[in-house]
């Protein structure tokens, strides 16, 4: 069975690969009967700025909720809105 550090690392690495972001930081990790659940913070290109076609280095802070099983295989992930995060 994986420990909390391994779970946090697996979740962060998954988001870095999936979202093509430079860094992903675990801000909350909890053991569940099925494995682990965590909230991971990432900074992504501003979706609003990108949608209007401007070039900028502005980044949005986003929180993703991720669930992994006892083998650290990702079972689900979703971006949380600002009211859910934290």
PDB file of N, CA and C in Angstrom:
ATOM      1  N   UNK A   1       0.846  -1.192   0.000  1.00  0.00           N
ATOM      2  CA  UNK A   1       0.000   0.000   0.000  1.00  0.00           C
ATOM      3  C   UNK A   1       0.883   1.243   0.000  1.00  0.00           C
ATOM      4  N   UNK A   2       0.534   2.180  -0.833  1.00  0.00           N
ATOM      5  CA  UNK A   2       1.287   3.432  -0.964  1.00  0.00           C
ATOM      6  C   UNK A   2       1.113   4.314   0.271  1.00  0.00           C
ATOM      7  N   UNK A   3       2.124   5.145   0.510  1.00  0.00           N
ATOM      8  CA  UNK A   3       2.003   6.098   1.615  1.00  0.00           C
ATOM      9  C   UNK A   3       1.558   7.461   1.065  1.00  0.00           C
ATOM     10  N   UNK A   4       1.366   8.405   1.957  1.00  0.00           N
ATOM     11  CA  UNK A   4       0.819   9.716   1.581  1.00  0.00           C
ATOM     12  C   UNK A   4       1.752  10.476   0.626  1.00  0.00           C
ATOM     13  N   UNK A   5       3.062  10.353   0.826  1.00  0.00           N
ATOM     14  CA  UNK A   5       4.002  11.032  -0.071  1.00  0.00           C
ATOM     15  C   UNK A   5       3.921  10.479  -1.493  1.00  0.00           C
ATOM     16  N   UNK A   6       3.813   9.174  -1.605  1.00  0.00           N
ATOM     17  CA  UNK A   6       3.700   8.540  -2.925  1.00  0.00           C
ATOM     18  C   UNK A   6       2.394   8.928  -3.608  1.00  0.00           C
ATOM     19  N   UNK A   7       1.323   9.002  -2.829  1.00  0.00           N
ATOM     20  CA  UNK A   7       0.024   9.396  -3.389  1.00  0.00           C
ATOM     21  C   UNK A   7       0.074  10.835  -3.904  1.00  0.00           C
ATOM     22  N   UNK A   8       0.633  11.735  -3.122  1.00  0.00           N
ATOM     23  CA  UNK A   8       0.741  13.138  -3.529  1.00  0.00           C
ATOM     24  C   UNK A   8       1.592  13.270  -4.785  1.00  0.00           C
ATOM     25  N   UNK A   9       2.696  12.547  -4.838  1.00  0.00           N
ATOM     26  CA  UNK A   9       3.584  12.599  -5.997  1.00  0.00           C
ATOM     27  C   UNK A   9       2.878  12.056  -7.253  1.00  0.00           C
ATOM     28  N   UNK A  10       2.151  10.948  -7.112  1.00  0.00           N
ATOM     29  CA  UNK A  10       1.441  10.361  -8.248  1.00  0.00           C
ATOM     30  C   UNK A  10       0.378  11.312  -8.791  1.00  0.00           C
ATOM     31  N   UNK A  11      -0.350  11.970  -7.910  1.00  0.00           N
ATOM     32  CA  UNK A  11      -1.387  12.912  -8.335  1.00  0.00           C
ATOM     33  C   UNK A  11      -0.768  14.121  -9.035  1.00  0.00           C
ATOM     34  N   UNK A  12       0.289  14.658  -8.455  1.00  0.00           N
ATOM     35  CA  UNK A  12       0.954  15.830  -9.049  1.00  0.00           C
ATOM     36  C   UNK A  12       1.536  15.497 -10.411  1.00  0.00           C
ATOM     37  N   UNK A  13       2.198  14.361 -10.524  1.00  0.00           N
ATOM     38  CA  UNK A  13       2.798  13.963 -11.798  1.00  0.00           C
ATOM     39  C   UNK A  13       1.729  13.731 -12.862  1.00  0.00           C
ATOM     40  N   UNK A  14       0.600  13.147 -12.473  1.00  0.00           N
ATOM     41  CA  UNK A  14      -0.501  12.941 -13.418  1.00  0.00           C
ATOM     42  C   UNK A  14      -0.970  14.273 -14.000  1.00  0.00           C
ATOM     43  N   UNK A  15      -1.190  15.271 -13.137  1.00  0.00           N
ATOM     44  CA  UNK A  15      -1.665  16.569 -13.631  1.00  0.00           C
ATOM     45  C   UNK A  15      -0.615  17.278 -14.462  1.00  0.00           C
ATOM     46  N   UNK A  16       0.644  17.175 -14.096  1.00  0.00           N
ATOM     47  CA  UNK A  16       1.687  17.810 -14.896  1.00  0.00           C
ATOM     48  C   UNK A  16       1.705  17.228 -16.307  1.00  0.00           C
ATOM     49  N   UNK A  17       1.558  15.914 -16.420  1.00  0.00           N
ATOM     50  CA  UNK A  17       1.521  15.275 -17.747  1.00  0.00           C
ATOM     51  C   UNK A  17       0.238  15.613 -18.496  1.00  0.00           C
ATOM     52  N   UNK A  18      -0.882  15.511 -17.820  1.00  0.00           N
ATOM     53  CA  UNK A  18      -2.189  15.670 -18.455  1.00  0.00           C
ATOM     54  C   UNK A  18      -2.453  17.100 -18.895  1.00  0.00           C
ATOM     55  N   UNK A  19      -2.089  18.060 -18.055  1.00  0.00           N
ATOM     56  CA  UNK A  19      -2.386  19.467 -18.335  1.00  0.00           C
ATOM     57  C   UNK A  19      -1.217  20.220 -18.957  1.00  0.00           C
ATOM     58  N   UNK A  20      -0.081  19.574 -19.081  1.00  0.00           N
ATOM     59  CA  UNK A  20       1.138  20.211 -19.601  1.00  0.00           C
ATOM     60  C   UNK A  20       1.489  21.466 -18.805  1.00  0.00           C
ATOM     61  N   UNK A  21       1.489  21.319 -17.485  1.00  0.00           N
ATOM     62  CA  UNK A  21       1.883  22.421 -16.606  1.00  0.00           C
ATOM     63  C   UNK A  21       3.247  22.106 -16.001  1.00  0.00           C
ATOM     64  N   UNK A  22       3.949  23.157 -15.591  1.00  0.00           N
ATOM     65  CA  UNK A  22       5.287  22.982 -15.044  1.00  0.00           C
ATOM     66  C   UNK A  22       5.288  22.435 -13.623  1.00  0.00           C
ATOM     67  N   UNK A  23       4.300  22.827 -12.842  1.00  0.00           N
ATOM     68  CA  UNK A  23       4.295  22.426 -11.444  1.00  0.00           C
ATOM     69  C   UNK A  23       2.872  22.120 -10.986  1.00  0.00           C
ATOM     70  N   UNK A  24       2.778  21.194 -10.067  1.00  0.00           N
ATOM     71  CA  UNK A  24       1.506  20.840  -9.444  1.00  0.00           C
ATOM     72  C   UNK A  24       1.817  20.541  -7.983  1.00  0.00           C
ATOM     73  N   UNK A  25       1.074  21.179  -7.094  1.00  0.00           N
ATOM     74  CA  UNK A  25       1.385  21.101  -5.659  1.00  0.00           C
ATOM     75  C   UNK A  25       0.192  20.522  -4.903  1.00  0.00           C
ATOM     76  N   UNK A  26       0.447  19.489  -4.118  1.00  0.00           N
ATOM     77  CA  UNK A  26      -0.601  18.895  -3.283  1.00  0.00           C
ATOM     78  C   UNK A  26      -0.928  19.855  -2.144  1.00  0.00           C
ATOM     79  N   UNK A  27      -2.216  20.181  -2.006  1.00  0.00           N
ATOM     80  CA  UNK A  27      -2.617  21.046  -0.896  1.00  0.00           C
ATOM     81  C   UNK A  27      -3.499  20.309   0.097  1.00  0.00           C
ATOM     82  N   UNK A  28      -3.965  19.102  -0.298  1.00  0.00           N
ATOM     83  CA  UNK A  28      -4.785  18.294   0.591  1.00  0.00           C
ATOM     84  C   UNK A  28      -4.750  16.848   0.099  1.00  0.00           C
ATOM     85  N   UNK A  29      -4.444  15.919   1.003  1.00  0.00           N
ATOM     86  CA  UNK A  29      -4.435  14.489   0.677  1.00  0.00           C
ATOM     87  C   UNK A  29      -5.097  13.758   1.839  1.00  0.00           C
ATOM     88  N   UNK A  30      -5.977  12.817   1.519  1.00  0.00           N
ATOM     89  CA  UNK A  30      -6.638  12.043   2.574  1.00  0.00           C
ATOM     90  C   UNK A  30      -6.767  10.582   2.135  1.00  0.00           C
ATOM     91  N   UNK A  31      -6.584   9.692   3.085  1.00  0.00           N
ATOM     92  CA  UNK A  31      -6.764   8.259   2.855  1.00  0.00           C
ATOM     93  C   UNK A  31      -8.252   7.960   2.798  1.00  0.00           C
ATOM     94  N   UNK A  32      -8.655   7.122   1.859  1.00  0.00           N
ATOM     95  CA  UNK A  32     -10.051   6.695   1.753  1.00  0.00           C
ATOM     96  C   UNK A  32     -10.076   5.165   1.722  1.00  0.00           C
ATOM     97  N   UNK A  33     -11.238   4.567   1.905  1.00  0.00           N
ATOM     98  CA  UNK A  33     -11.312   3.101   1.817  1.00  0.00           C
ATOM     99  C   UNK A  33     -10.867   2.562   0.448  1.00  0.00           C
ATOM    100  N   UNK A  34     -11.033   3.358  -0.607  1.00  0.00           N
ATOM    101  CA  UNK A  34     -10.688   2.929  -1.958  1.00  0.00           C
ATOM    102  C   UNK A  34      -9.245   3.260  -2.338  1.00  0.00           C
ATOM    103  N   UNK A  35      -8.589   4.147  -1.605  1.00  0.00           N
ATOM    104  CA  UNK A  35      -7.226   4.574  -1.937  1.00  0.00           C
ATOM    105  C   UNK A  35      -6.923   5.927  -1.343  1.00  0.00           C
ATOM    106  N   UNK A  36      -6.799   6.947  -2.208  1.00  0.00           N
ATOM    107  CA  UNK A  36      -6.459   8.301  -1.773  1.00  0.00           C
ATOM    108  C   UNK A  36      -7.282   9.318  -2.545  1.00  0.00           C
ATOM    109  N   UNK A  37      -7.550  10.442  -1.892  1.00  0.00           N
ATOM    110  CA  UNK A  37      -8.226  11.565  -2.532  1.00  0.00           C
ATOM    111  C   UNK A  37      -7.430  12.816  -2.204  1.00  0.00           C
ATOM    112  N   UNK A  38      -7.232  13.668  -3.216  1.00  0.00           N
ATOM    113  CA  UNK A  38      -6.439  14.858  -2.969  1.00  0.00           C
ATOM    114  C   UNK A  38      -6.899  16.063  -3.753  1.00  0.00           C
ATOM    115  N   UNK A  39      -6.436  17.214  -3.299  1.00  0.00           N
ATOM    116  CA  UNK A  39      -6.631  18.475  -4.016  1.00  0.00           C
ATOM    117  C   UNK A  39      -5.242  18.962  -4.406  1.00  0.00           C
ATOM    118  N   UNK A  40      -5.084  19.214  -5.702  1.00  0.00           N
ATOM    119  CA  UNK A  40      -3.792  19.604  -6.246  1.00  0.00           C
ATOM    120  C   UNK A  40      -3.930  20.976  -6.899  1.00  0.00           C
ATOM    121  N   UNK A  41      -3.011  21.866  -6.574  1.00  0.00           N
ATOM    122  CA  UNK A  41      -3.009  23.229  -7.100  1.00  0.00           C
ATOM    123  C   UNK A  41      -2.087  23.311  -8.314  1.00  0.00           C
ATOM    124  N   UNK A  42      -2.602  23.925  -9.384  1.00  0.00           N
ATOM    125  CA  UNK A  42      -1.789  24.162 -10.579  1.00  0.00           C
ATOM    126  C   UNK A  42      -2.030  25.582 -11.070  1.00  0.00           C
ATOM    127  N   UNK A  43      -1.069  26.096 -11.793  1.00  0.00           N
ATOM    128  CA  UNK A  43      -1.222  27.391 -12.453  1.00  0.00           C
ATOM    129  C   UNK A  43      -1.214  27.136 -13.955  1.00  0.00           C
ATOM    130  N   UNK A  44      -2.321  27.501 -14.607  1.00  0.00           N
ATOM    131  CA  UNK A  44      -2.492  27.279 -16.037  1.00  0.00           C
ATOM    132  C   UNK A  44      -2.669  28.606 -16.746  1.00  0.00           C
ATOM    133  N   UNK A  45      -2.420  28.597 -18.057  1.00  0.00           N
ATOM    134  CA  UNK A  45      -2.677  29.793 -18.841  1.00  0.00           C
ATOM    135  C   UNK A  45      -4.098  30.257 -18.587  1.00  0.00           C
ATOM    136  N   UNK A  46      -4.290  31.548 -18.513  1.00  0.00           N
ATOM    137  CA  UNK A  46      -5.619  32.102 -18.290  1.00  0.00           C
ATOM    138  C   UNK A  46      -6.542  31.718 -19.442  1.00  0.00           C
ATOM    139  N   UNK A  47      -7.583  30.975 -19.145  1.00  0.00           N
ATOM    140  CA  UNK A  47      -8.505  30.539 -20.195  1.00  0.00           C
ATOM    141  C   UNK A  47      -9.238  31.725 -20.815  1.00  0.00           C
ATOM    142  N   UNK A  48      -9.509  32.756 -20.020  1.00  0.00           N
ATOM    143  CA  UNK A  48     -10.186  33.937 -20.558  1.00  0.00           C
ATOM    144  C   UNK A  48      -9.276  34.677 -21.529  1.00  0.00           C
ATOM    145  N   UNK A  49      -8.057  34.949 -21.103  1.00  0.00           N
ATOM    146  CA  UNK A  49      -7.103  35.672 -21.949  1.00  0.00           C
ATOM    147  C   UNK A  49      -6.862  34.880 -23.244  1.00  0.00           C
ATOM    148  N   UNK A  50      -6.716  33.574 -23.102  1.00  0.00           N
ATOM    149  CA  UNK A  50      -6.488  32.715 -24.260  1.00  0.00           C
ATOM    150  C   UNK A  50      -7.682  32.753 -25.222  1.00  0.00           C
ATOM    151  N   UNK A  51      -8.907  32.783 -24.664  1.00  0.00           N
ATOM    152  CA  UNK A  51     -10.120  32.749 -25.494  1.00  0.00           C
ATOM    153  C   UNK A  51     -10.287  34.010 -26.344  1.00  0.00           C
ATOM    154  N   UNK A  52      -9.721  35.130 -25.875  1.00  0.00           N
ATOM    155  CA  UNK A  52      -9.850  36.348 -26.672  1.00  0.00           C
ATOM    156  C   UNK A  52      -8.615  36.586 -27.550  1.00  0.00           C
ATOM    157  N   UNK A  53      -7.717  35.602 -27.549  1.00  0.00           N
ATOM    158  CA  UNK A  53      -6.603  35.628 -28.471  1.00  0.00           C
ATOM    159  C   UNK A  53      -5.433  36.507 -28.091  1.00  0.00           C
ATOM    160  N   UNK A  54      -5.344  36.886 -26.830  1.00  0.00           N
ATOM    161  CA  UNK A  54      -4.214  37.713 -26.398  1.00  0.00           C
ATOM    162  C   UNK A  54      -3.066  36.834 -25.916  1.00  0.00           C
ATOM    163  N   UNK A  55      -1.876  37.317 -26.122  1.00  0.00           N
ATOM    164  CA  UNK A  55      -0.695  36.619 -25.641  1.00  0.00           C
ATOM    165  C   UNK A  55      -0.277  37.244 -24.314  1.00  0.00           C
ATOM    166  N   UNK A  56      -0.173  36.436 -23.288  1.00  0.00           N
ATOM    167  CA  UNK A  56       0.198  36.950 -21.976  1.00  0.00           C
ATOM    168  C   UNK A  56       0.788  35.838 -21.135  1.00  0.00           C
ATOM    169  N   UNK A  57       1.424  36.221 -20.063  1.00  0.00           N
ATOM    170  CA  UNK A  57       1.963  35.242 -19.129  1.00  0.00           C
ATOM    171  C   UNK A  57       1.055  35.105 -17.904  1.00  0.00           C
ATOM    172  N   UNK A  58      -0.140  35.668 -17.987  1.00  0.00           N
ATOM    173  CA  UNK A  58      -1.088  35.582 -16.877  1.00  0.00           C
ATOM    174  C   UNK A  58      -1.504  34.131 -16.684  1.00  0.00           C
ATOM    175  N   UNK A  59      -1.478  33.683 -15.443  1.00  0.00           N
ATOM    176  CA  UNK A  59      -1.851  32.308 -15.122  1.00  0.00           C
ATOM    177  C   UNK A  59      -3.024  32.320 -14.147  1.00  0.00           C
ATOM    178  N   UNK A  60      -3.913  31.336 -14.315  1.00  0.00           N
ATOM    179  CA  UNK A  60      -5.014  31.132 -13.376  1.00  0.00           C
ATOM    180  C   UNK A  60      -4.599  30.070 -12.370  1.00  0.00           C
ATOM    181  N   UNK A  61      -4.945  30.283 -11.116  1.00  0.00           N
ATOM    182  CA  UNK A  61      -4.723  29.274 -10.079  1.00  0.00           C
ATOM    183  C   UNK A  61      -5.943  28.364 -10.088  1.00  0.00           C
ATOM    184  N   UNK A  62      -5.725  27.097 -10.346  1.00  0.00           N
ATOM    185  CA  UNK A  62      -6.822  26.128 -10.357  1.00  0.00           C
ATOM    186  C   UNK A  62      -6.527  24.992  -9.398  1.00  0.00           C
ATOM    187  N   UNK A  63      -7.586  24.454  -8.829  1.00  0.00           N
ATOM    188  CA  UNK A  63      -7.490  23.321  -7.920  1.00  0.00           C
ATOM    189  C   UNK A  63      -8.205  22.145  -8.577  1.00  0.00           C
ATOM    190  N   UNK A  64      -7.534  21.011  -8.585  1.00  0.00           N
ATOM    191  CA  UNK A  64      -8.118  19.778  -9.124  1.00  0.00           C
ATOM    192  C   UNK A  64      -8.298  18.769  -8.008  1.00  0.00           C
ATOM    193  N   UNK A  65      -9.435  18.097  -8.024  1.00  0.00           N
ATOM    194  CA  UNK A  65      -9.724  17.019  -7.085  1.00  0.00           C
ATOM    195  C   UNK A  65      -9.425  15.708  -7.803  1.00  0.00           C
ATOM    196  N   UNK A  66      -8.592  14.880  -7.202  1.00  0.00           N
ATOM    197  CA  UNK A  66      -8.170  13.633  -7.829  1.00  0.00           C
ATOM    198  C   UNK A  66      -8.394  12.474  -6.867  1.00  0.00           C
ATOM    199  N   UNK A  67      -8.841  11.357  -7.434  1.00  0.00           N
ATOM    200  CA  UNK A  67      -8.983  10.116  -6.672  1.00  0.00           C
ATOM    201  C   UNK A  67      -8.110   9.065  -7.330  1.00  0.00           C
ATOM    202  N   UNK A  68      -7.292   8.386  -6.504  1.00  0.00           N
ATOM    203  CA  UNK A  68      -6.483   7.273  -6.986  1.00  0.00           C
ATOM    204  C   UNK A  68      -6.786   6.041  -6.145  1.00  0.00           C
ATOM    205  N   UNK A  69      -6.616   4.859  -6.756  1.00  0.00           N
ATOM    206  CA  UNK A  69      -6.845   3.632  -6.009  1.00  0.00           C
ATOM    207  C   UNK A  69      -5.596   3.274  -5.201  1.00  0.00           C
ATOM    208  N   UNK A  70      -5.631   2.130  -4.525  1.00  0.00           N
ATOM    209  CA  UNK A  70      -4.506   1.734  -3.672  1.00  0.00           C
ATOM    210  C   UNK A  70      -3.218   1.492  -4.466  1.00  0.00           C
ATOM    211  N   UNK A  71      -3.333   1.292  -5.789  1.00  0.00           N
ATOM    212  CA  UNK A  71      -2.161   1.123  -6.647  1.00  0.00           C
ATOM    213  C   UNK A  71      -1.724   2.436  -7.296  1.00  0.00           C
ATOM    214  N   UNK A  72      -2.319   3.537  -6.874  1.00  0.00           N
ATOM    215  CA  UNK A  72      -2.034   4.892  -7.357  1.00  0.00           C
ATOM    216  C   UNK A  72      -2.443   5.111  -8.806  1.00  0.00           C
ATOM    217  N   UNK A  73      -3.373   4.313  -9.292  1.00  0.00           N
ATOM    218  CA  UNK A  73      -3.945   4.527 -10.614  1.00  0.00           C
ATOM    219  C   UNK A  73      -5.064   5.559 -10.480  1.00  0.00           C
ATOM    220  N   UNK A  74      -5.049   6.583 -11.329  1.00  0.00           N
ATOM    221  CA  UNK A  74      -6.055   7.631 -11.258  1.00  0.00           C
ATOM    222  C   UNK A  74      -7.421   7.063 -11.629  1.00  0.00           C
ATOM    223  N   UNK A  75      -8.392   7.292 -10.768  1.00  0.00           N
ATOM    224  CA  UNK A  75      -9.759   6.844 -10.994  1.00  0.00           C
ATOM    225  C   UNK A  75     -10.634   7.978 -11.513  1.00  0.00           C
ATOM    226  N   UNK A  76     -10.352   9.199 -11.058  1.00  0.00           N
ATOM    227  CA  UNK A  76     -11.094  10.362 -11.531  1.00  0.00           C
ATOM    228  C   UNK A  76     -10.333  11.630 -11.172  1.00  0.00           C
ATOM    229  N   UNK A  77     -10.625  12.674 -11.941  1.00  0.00           N
ATOM    230  CA  UNK A  77     -10.125  13.999 -11.598  1.00  0.00           C
ATOM    231  C   UNK A  77     -11.077  15.025 -12.187  1.00  0.00           C
ATOM    232  N   UNK A  78     -11.156  16.169 -11.523  1.00  0.00           N
ATOM    233  CA  UNK A  78     -12.004  17.256 -12.002  1.00  0.00           C
ATOM    234  C   UNK A  78     -11.493  18.569 -11.453  1.00  0.00           C
ATOM    235  N   UNK A  79     -11.664  19.614 -12.252  1.00  0.00           N
ATOM    236  CA  UNK A  79     -11.302  20.952 -11.773  1.00  0.00           C
ATOM    237  C   UNK A  79     -12.432  21.452 -10.907  1.00  0.00           C
ATOM    238  N   UNK A  80     -12.067  21.989  -9.771  1.00  0.00           N
ATOM    239  CA  UNK A  80     -13.053  22.522  -8.840  1.00  0.00           C
ATOM    240  C   UNK A  80     -13.244  23.997  -9.132  1.00  0.00           C
ATOM    241  N   UNK A  81     -14.456  24.500  -8.890  1.00  0.00           N
ATOM    242  CA  UNK A  81     -14.629  25.946  -9.063  1.00  0.00           C
ATOM    243  C   UNK A  81     -14.164  26.641  -7.791  1.00  0.00           C
ATOM    244  N   UNK A  82     -14.061  27.942  -7.829  1.00  0.00           N
ATOM    245  CA  UNK A  82     -13.481  28.710  -6.726  1.00  0.00           C
ATOM    246  C   UNK A  82     -14.235  28.506  -5.407  1.00  0.00           C
ATOM    247  N   UNK A  83     -15.542  28.310  -5.448  1.00  0.00           N
ATOM    248  CA  UNK A  83     -16.316  28.138  -4.220  1.00  0.00           C
ATOM    249  C   UNK A  83     -16.052  26.790  -3.575  1.00  0.00           C
ATOM    250  N   UNK A  84     -15.738  25.761  -4.374  1.00  0.00           N
ATOM    251  CA  UNK A  84     -15.466  24.426  -3.832  1.00  0.00           C
ATOM    252  C   UNK A  84     -14.064  24.315  -3.265  1.00  0.00           C
ATOM    253  N   UNK A  85     -13.128  25.015  -3.875  1.00  0.00           N
ATOM    254  CA  UNK A  85     -11.715  24.884  -3.496  1.00  0.00           C
ATOM    255  C   UNK A  85     -11.466  25.444  -2.096  1.00  0.00           C
ATOM    256  N   UNK A  86     -10.532  24.806  -1.444  1.00  0.00           N
ATOM    257  CA  UNK A  86     -10.113  25.332  -0.159  1.00  0.00           C
ATOM    258  C   UNK A  86     -10.688  24.557   0.932  1.00  0.00           C
TER     259      UNK A  86
END
